[in-house]
């Protein structure tokens, strides 16, 4: 059972980006982040801020169509997955999923991680994104 470690009520994309920048300083390379939330709940915005906080200058894009976007910063990496379109665990394995999850100089950020929820991942964080009553308000919860 994971424990809640941080919560934010975000009222604009800038709140989400700043929260992600701050959080990026506390999550070590070799970690995996499961991001859970509906479409449009702020997952890609969060990833933009997270990458920025670690000094990645690449333009972060949603990985919905390519399934995986890689960002590099000299010797470190962010592997940003969107597993929504994958139909089986074997498809994840075919794209080298285990190698990415095993990277000690990368952080895997995975949108729609339910497909691999049964994987035993040692340094895993889970971030839940919930849209609140207002269109711009989100609750973001971080679990370890």
C-alpha atoms as a PDB file:
ATOM      1  CA  UNK A   1       0.000   0.000   0.000  1.00  0.00           C
ATOM      2  CA  UNK A   2       1.439   3.343  -1.017  1.00  0.00           C
ATOM      3  CA  UNK A   3       1.432   6.306   1.351  1.00  0.00           C
ATOM      4  CA  UNK A   4       0.250   9.827   0.436  1.00  0.00           C
ATOM      5  CA  UNK A   5       3.282  12.138   0.599  1.00  0.00           C
ATOM      6  CA  UNK A   6       2.142  15.382  -1.100  1.00  0.00           C
ATOM      7  CA  UNK A   7      -1.082  17.044  -2.233  1.00  0.00           C
ATOM      8  CA  UNK A   8      -1.742  20.135  -4.318  1.00  0.00           C
ATOM      9  CA  UNK A   9      -4.906  21.930  -5.322  1.00  0.00           C
ATOM     10  CA  UNK A  10      -3.854  23.417  -8.666  1.00  0.00           C
ATOM     11  CA  UNK A  11      -5.905  26.312  -9.980  1.00  0.00           C
ATOM     12  CA  UNK A  12      -3.941  26.858 -13.192  1.00  0.00           C
ATOM     13  CA  UNK A  13      -1.309  25.152 -15.350  1.00  0.00           C
ATOM     14  CA  UNK A  14       1.405  27.301 -13.747  1.00  0.00           C
ATOM     15  CA  UNK A  15       0.563  25.821 -10.309  1.00  0.00           C
ATOM     16  CA  UNK A  16       0.929  22.311 -11.734  1.00  0.00           C
ATOM     17  CA  UNK A  17       4.222  23.166 -13.454  1.00  0.00           C
ATOM     18  CA  UNK A  18       5.724  24.687 -10.293  1.00  0.00           C
ATOM     19  CA  UNK A  19       4.591  21.722  -8.166  1.00  0.00           C
ATOM     20  CA  UNK A  20       6.187  19.335 -10.672  1.00  0.00           C
ATOM     21  CA  UNK A  21       9.434  21.346 -10.747  1.00  0.00           C
ATOM     22  CA  UNK A  22       9.654  21.186  -6.957  1.00  0.00           C
ATOM     23  CA  UNK A  23       8.794  17.474  -6.877  1.00  0.00           C
ATOM     24  CA  UNK A  24      11.413  16.670  -9.531  1.00  0.00           C
ATOM     25  CA  UNK A  25      14.131  17.594  -7.019  1.00  0.00           C
ATOM     26  CA  UNK A  26      12.946  14.836  -4.645  1.00  0.00           C
ATOM     27  CA  UNK A  27      12.566  11.887  -7.039  1.00  0.00           C
ATOM     28  CA  UNK A  28      15.840  10.126  -7.854  1.00  0.00           C
ATOM     29  CA  UNK A  29      16.899   8.738 -11.202  1.00  0.00           C
ATOM     30  CA  UNK A  30      15.994   5.074 -11.443  1.00  0.00           C
ATOM     31  CA  UNK A  31      12.432   5.832 -10.296  1.00  0.00           C
ATOM     32  CA  UNK A  32       9.158   5.141 -12.073  1.00  0.00           C
ATOM     33  CA  UNK A  33       6.155   7.451 -11.849  1.00  0.00           C
ATOM     34  CA  UNK A  34       2.677   6.125 -12.594  1.00  0.00           C
ATOM     35  CA  UNK A  35       0.343   8.967 -13.583  1.00  0.00           C
ATOM     36  CA  UNK A  36      -3.353   8.259 -13.248  1.00  0.00           C
ATOM     37  CA  UNK A  37      -6.086  10.635 -14.358  1.00  0.00           C
ATOM     38  CA  UNK A  38      -8.663  11.299 -17.023  1.00  0.00           C
ATOM     39  CA  UNK A  39      -7.855  12.902 -20.365  1.00  0.00           C
ATOM     40  CA  UNK A  40      -7.097  16.585 -19.869  1.00  0.00           C
ATOM     41  CA  UNK A  41      -6.423  16.261 -16.134  1.00  0.00           C
ATOM     42  CA  UNK A  42      -2.883  17.705 -16.301  1.00  0.00           C
ATOM     43  CA  UNK A  43      -0.547  14.732 -16.795  1.00  0.00           C
ATOM     44  CA  UNK A  44       1.399  16.200 -19.723  1.00  0.00           C
ATOM     45  CA  UNK A  45       1.507  19.658 -18.100  1.00  0.00           C
ATOM     46  CA  UNK A  46       2.940  18.010 -14.996  1.00  0.00           C
ATOM     47  CA  UNK A  47       5.560  16.199 -17.105  1.00  0.00           C
ATOM     48  CA  UNK A  48       6.585  19.510 -18.714  1.00  0.00           C
ATOM     49  CA  UNK A  49       7.231  21.033 -15.294  1.00  0.00           C
ATOM     50  CA  UNK A  50       8.985  17.906 -14.035  1.00  0.00           C
ATOM     51  CA  UNK A  51      11.372  17.865 -17.011  1.00  0.00           C
ATOM     52  CA  UNK A  52      11.993  21.595 -16.672  1.00  0.00           C
ATOM     53  CA  UNK A  53      12.793  21.161 -12.972  1.00  0.00           C
ATOM     54  CA  UNK A  54      15.510  18.654 -13.868  1.00  0.00           C
ATOM     55  CA  UNK A  55      17.014  20.965 -16.481  1.00  0.00           C
ATOM     56  CA  UNK A  56      15.658  19.246 -19.587  1.00  0.00           C
ATOM     57  CA  UNK A  57      15.232  21.813 -22.324  1.00  0.00           C
ATOM     58  CA  UNK A  58      13.342  19.559 -24.754  1.00  0.00           C
ATOM     59  CA  UNK A  59       9.765  20.482 -25.618  1.00  0.00           C
ATOM     60  CA  UNK A  60       7.648  17.883 -23.815  1.00  0.00           C
ATOM     61  CA  UNK A  61       4.856  16.484 -25.981  1.00  0.00           C
ATOM     62  CA  UNK A  62       2.074  14.047 -25.178  1.00  0.00           C
ATOM     63  CA  UNK A  63       3.231  10.510 -26.072  1.00  0.00           C
ATOM     64  CA  UNK A  64      -0.276   9.336 -27.024  1.00  0.00           C
ATOM     65  CA  UNK A  65       0.585   8.550 -30.641  1.00  0.00           C
ATOM     66  CA  UNK A  66       4.262   7.574 -30.439  1.00  0.00           C
ATOM     67  CA  UNK A  67       3.672   5.655 -27.120  1.00  0.00           C
ATOM     68  CA  UNK A  68       7.135   6.737 -25.889  1.00  0.00           C
ATOM     69  CA  UNK A  69       8.947  10.066 -25.955  1.00  0.00           C
ATOM     70  CA  UNK A  70      12.564  10.151 -24.767  1.00  0.00           C
ATOM     71  CA  UNK A  71      14.204  13.282 -23.423  1.00  0.00           C
ATOM     72  CA  UNK A  72      17.919  13.476 -22.686  1.00  0.00           C
ATOM     73  CA  UNK A  73      19.995  15.841 -20.625  1.00  0.00           C
ATOM     74  CA  UNK A  74      23.690  14.968 -21.049  1.00  0.00           C
ATOM     75  CA  UNK A  75      23.816  11.591 -19.250  1.00  0.00           C
ATOM     76  CA  UNK A  76      20.257  11.410 -17.867  1.00  0.00           C
ATOM     77  CA  UNK A  77      16.913  10.576 -19.435  1.00  0.00           C
ATOM     78  CA  UNK A  78      13.177  10.901 -18.998  1.00  0.00           C
ATOM     79  CA  UNK A  79      11.142   8.163 -20.638  1.00  0.00           C
ATOM     80  CA  UNK A  80       7.565   9.423 -21.030  1.00  0.00           C
ATOM     81  CA  UNK A  81       5.149   6.605 -21.896  1.00  0.00           C
ATOM     82  CA  UNK A  82       1.463   6.583 -22.755  1.00  0.00           C
ATOM     83  CA  UNK A  83       0.224   2.981 -22.563  1.00  0.00           C
ATOM     84  CA  UNK A  84      -3.382   3.798 -23.472  1.00  0.00           C
ATOM     85  CA  UNK A  85      -3.213   2.220 -26.938  1.00  0.00           C
ATOM     86  CA  UNK A  86      -1.297  -0.918 -25.905  1.00  0.00           C
ATOM     87  CA  UNK A  87      -3.446  -4.031 -25.725  1.00  0.00           C
ATOM     88  CA  UNK A  88      -1.167  -6.408 -23.799  1.00  0.00           C
ATOM     89  CA  UNK A  89       1.852  -6.632 -21.539  1.00  0.00           C
ATOM     90  CA  UNK A  90       3.731  -8.342 -24.376  1.00  0.00           C
ATOM     91  CA  UNK A  91       3.418  -5.138 -26.452  1.00  0.00           C
ATOM     92  CA  UNK A  92       5.069  -3.221 -23.602  1.00  0.00           C
ATOM     93  CA  UNK A  93       7.840  -5.817 -23.446  1.00  0.00           C
ATOM     94  CA  UNK A  94       8.334  -5.656 -27.237  1.00  0.00           C
ATOM     95  CA  UNK A  95       9.126  -1.932 -27.100  1.00  0.00           C
ATOM     96  CA  UNK A  96      11.818  -2.597 -24.472  1.00  0.00           C
ATOM     97  CA  UNK A  97       9.697  -1.677 -21.472  1.00  0.00           C
ATOM     98  CA  UNK A  98      11.739  -3.678 -18.961  1.00  0.00           C
ATOM     99  CA  UNK A  99      14.996  -2.057 -20.110  1.00  0.00           C
ATOM    100  CA  UNK A 100      13.503   1.402 -19.649  1.00  0.00           C
ATOM    101  CA  UNK A 101      12.135   0.510 -16.207  1.00  0.00           C
ATOM    102  CA  UNK A 102      15.588  -0.807 -15.246  1.00  0.00           C
ATOM    103  CA  UNK A 103      17.468   2.350 -16.245  1.00  0.00           C
ATOM    104  CA  UNK A 104      19.401   3.838 -13.334  1.00  0.00           C
ATOM    105  CA  UNK A 105      20.037   7.122 -15.153  1.00  0.00           C
ATOM    106  CA  UNK A 106      16.457   7.600 -16.303  1.00  0.00           C
ATOM    107  CA  UNK A 107      13.056   8.319 -14.817  1.00  0.00           C
ATOM    108  CA  UNK A 108      10.062   6.561 -16.369  1.00  0.00           C
ATOM    109  CA  UNK A 109       6.874   8.612 -16.376  1.00  0.00           C
ATOM    110  CA  UNK A 110       3.963   6.415 -17.403  1.00  0.00           C
ATOM    111  CA  UNK A 111       0.492   7.633 -18.332  1.00  0.00           C
ATOM    112  CA  UNK A 112      -2.251   4.984 -18.269  1.00  0.00           C
ATOM    113  CA  UNK A 113      -0.060   2.497 -16.310  1.00  0.00           C
ATOM    114  CA  UNK A 114      -2.859   0.031 -15.496  1.00  0.00           C
ATOM    115  CA  UNK A 115      -1.523  -2.443 -18.082  1.00  0.00           C
ATOM    116  CA  UNK A 116       1.660  -2.963 -16.042  1.00  0.00           C
ATOM    117  CA  UNK A 117       0.195  -2.418 -12.582  1.00  0.00           C
ATOM    118  CA  UNK A 118       1.170  -5.952 -11.565  1.00  0.00           C
ATOM    119  CA  UNK A 119       4.894  -5.301 -12.216  1.00  0.00           C
ATOM    120  CA  UNK A 120       7.014  -5.262  -9.066  1.00  0.00           C
ATOM    121  CA  UNK A 121       8.759  -1.907  -9.343  1.00  0.00           C
ATOM    122  CA  UNK A 122      11.048  -0.987  -6.485  1.00  0.00           C
ATOM    123  CA  UNK A 123      11.152   2.817  -6.562  1.00  0.00           C
ATOM    124  CA  UNK A 124       7.623   3.634  -7.736  1.00  0.00           C
ATOM    125  CA  UNK A 125       5.610   6.790  -7.226  1.00  0.00           C
ATOM    126  CA  UNK A 126       1.960   7.156  -8.141  1.00  0.00           C
ATOM    127  CA  UNK A 127       0.438  10.526  -8.957  1.00  0.00           C
ATOM    128  CA  UNK A 128      -3.341  10.897  -9.117  1.00  0.00           C
ATOM    129  CA  UNK A 129      -4.894  13.770 -11.070  1.00  0.00           C
ATOM    130  CA  UNK A 130      -8.511  14.663 -10.314  1.00  0.00           C
ATOM    131  CA  UNK A 131     -10.462  17.431 -12.038  1.00  0.00           C
ATOM    132  CA  UNK A 132     -12.365  19.432  -9.429  1.00  0.00           C
ATOM    133  CA  UNK A 133     -15.684  21.230  -9.934  1.00  0.00           C
ATOM    134  CA  UNK A 134     -14.128  24.104 -11.881  1.00  0.00           C
ATOM    135  CA  UNK A 135     -12.586  23.513 -15.324  1.00  0.00           C
ATOM    136  CA  UNK A 136      -9.179  24.822 -14.209  1.00  0.00           C
ATOM    137  CA  UNK A 137      -8.964  23.271 -10.733  1.00  0.00           C
ATOM    138  CA  UNK A 138      -7.160  19.966 -10.146  1.00  0.00           C
ATOM    139  CA  UNK A 139      -6.217  17.942  -7.113  1.00  0.00           C
ATOM    140  CA  UNK A 140      -2.847  16.252  -7.495  1.00  0.00           C
ATOM    141  CA  UNK A 141      -1.867  13.568  -4.983  1.00  0.00           C
ATOM    142  CA  UNK A 142       1.584  11.961  -4.844  1.00  0.00           C
ATOM    143  CA  UNK A 143       2.013   8.517  -3.306  1.00  0.00           C
ATOM    144  CA  UNK A 144       5.187   6.585  -2.516  1.00  0.00           C
END
